Amino acid sequence: MDVRALHRQMTQYNRWKRQLDERLQRFDDWGASHQMLSSEVQRTLQKARQLLRGDNFTIACVGEFSRGKTELINALLYTEGGRRLLPSQPGRTTMCPTEIFWDSNVPVNCVRLLPIETRRTTTSLQNFKRIPQNWVTVTFDPRNHDQTRAAINQVSANKWVAPADALKLGFAMDELGERDAEGRVAVPAWRHALISLDHPLLRQGLRIIDTPGLNALGNEPELTLKTLPEAQAILFLMSADAGVTASDMTIWREHVQNLRDEQCTAVLALLNKIDSLWDDLQSPADISTSIENIRQVTAKQLKLAPEQVIAISAKQGLLGKVGRNLSQLERSNFPQLERKLADVVLHSQQQIIGHRLVGDSYEMIINTRNSLAKRLSECENEIETLRSAAPQEAAETLQQLRDTIRKSHHQYHKQAISLRTSQRLLESQREALLAPISSGLLEQQISDAHRNLAQSWTTLGLARAIGNFFDDVDSSLHHIEREIERSNRVLVSIYQRPEHNLTGDELMMRHLLKIHHQRRQLRQLHKKADDFRFSLSTLLTRKGALINRFINTLVQEVRNTYVDLNKHIDQWLQESLSPLTHSNQYQKQLLETHMLRLTQLQGQRNTHAEQLESLQTNIYHLQVALNSLEPLYQDIISAPLVENASENLALLRGGQVISLLEARHNARATHNQQQA
């Protein structure tokens, strides 16, 4: 039984990313050594490497309190020592949303805590993360278990406040527990917690988000609008002995289902605490049947495929790991969960393989090597032509060779002029593309929305103000989509010109301007705004601060998406023609270098043998450059990008998704043709 599937897959994932980053670094170093890469190519390589280094794998644990989310995290992160990492006991243990990760920029293990009093402001969590002085930092030595426990236990801290103060902090009376002798109520001491922990899985880029139930999700709109949508996997926890409760279904409908349907986030529904169903008076077969029935019913209620619903015991999984009891671990079904998460990690890996920057980088390496091999072959033919000519005919032969190269160079020069004209044509689309999402227009829309909200004294007025703002956002989105359609038609016309000699549409399709991600974000924000508008009648009398915080968070997320759109379009304008430009510049550079050498030979009074020797020197330099690039080229066309993956794993090659076997066959066939 595989009890370390997630550990192994995360290790493999990071090894693969490092290998890919190292290949791009080798190509960059090769270009610097032989002075054969343009600044545009170097920028593409740089961005691809930033993509690889900045990638994290985030798991969000979502569910009502007392569903065992904390114990689940303990089981996922357990390594050794026989102790829980996070506090876990009966009742509610995680009082504030908590992010667990390893921050390599902070060399100490620490817990950073944002005071609950910051809820009185409209400042977003994201902005607070950039203001360190607002956080309380508690450092700890992970080798000191008491110190570690004391620091991390802070996430479950409460404080006693007057009911009026609790209302000002955004809590509703029905969310608060019993009062103490002085009439005070308990509220979480902290609004948010960030735990930076040096742990093997976290070092590999795993990030875990623990959300403490429906109230926290409702009171912190940024969790739903930003944090959860950024997760690669969501673990939705329920209790196996209770099934899907009303509050579970509320969380599912309001915070999880939409992410699965529209964001394509991987969602696993976990029926935790199956050990509460283990009964010594029942046979193992009867117990398994009972658990399976609950699992099937849950799948139907949530409209999930049965394989996406897993019945587990996080507690027994942790105890099985601590005691190295494989039978206990297997009965907990925890290894099944880890295998499912490992599959999601693999899916994230495939998404990186399919990213345009990675595809472009690999395409550049392959095209550079093939262009170099072609030029080398042509040079060898030239020297054979000169060698077979009589000494008295050497000058005439050199002139013929030079004329042939000049003709080829002239064609590439014309193509370069055409590409510059095409680039200017694309640049002329900039104003039309960016006008609908300009910061000035958005700030005017935001200002109008705030004015309308301030003047609204009724639920209907507030709802109308929010609706009008998002109607304006939708109008801008439709406008930019029309402009994108026009710009893409321009791009298609450029790529389809005969001079570029493209045999398929894959490269062109990869460089069309697409805003699927940003469109999905804005539509999700609109849906959240609509849901919020419908709930205003119940919120208005009790949560004025929450209304302001939610609206400000919505507006800030729209603003962030607009900024992202502006950067995305600007990058597209710069890079949409980069494959064509790189190919042209590289071929042109090789021809210019060779033509200069032939011109020098013509101007010198060298003997026939000296001319041959000079050309041979040029061939030698080309051969050295090719030989130093060849190992990298062979790595790319022959080595699978994902170790131990099936042969059907897709590999992006020139924008087309094909199998590894097919990719290897095509690359080797091209290589053999060139050798022949």
Foldseek 3Di string as FASTA:
>chain_A
DDQCLLLVLLVLLLVLLVVLLVLLVLVVVLCVVLVQFDPLLVVLSVVLNVVSVPDFAEEEEDEAFPLCPQLLVQLVQDDADLDGQADDDPDGQQQAKEKEAADPVDPFWKKKFAFLVCLLDLDAPVVVVVVRVRIDIQTADVVPVVSSHVRNSLSRDKDWDAPVVCLSSFDDPVVWDDADPVRTTIHRRTHYMYTHDPGSSRVSRYMYIYHHRDVNCLLRVCCQQPVVLVHQEYEQGDALVVAQDPRSVVCCVQRNVCSCVQVVRHYAYEHEDLVVQDDPVDDPVVSVVSSLVSLVVNCVVSVHDSLSYYYFYSNQCNVCVHVVPVVSNVVRCVSVVSNVVSVSSVVVSLVSLLALSSQLSLQLLLLLLLLLLLLLVVLVVLLVVLVPDDQVCNLVSLVVVLVVLVVVLVLLVVVLVVVVVLLVVLVVLLCQLLVLLPPVVLVVLVVQLVVQCVPDDDLVSNLVSLLVSLVSVVVSVVSNVVSLVVSLVSLVVSCPDVSLVDPDCLLSVSLRQDDSPLVSSSVVLVVSSNVVSVCCVVCVVRGPSSVSSNVSSSSVSNNVSSVVSSVSSVVSSVPSCVVSNRSSVSSSVSSVVVSVLSVVVSVDPDGSVVNSVSSVVVSVSSVVSSVSSVVSSCCVLPPDSRPPDDQQSWGQHSNDTGGSVVSNVVSVVSVVVSVD
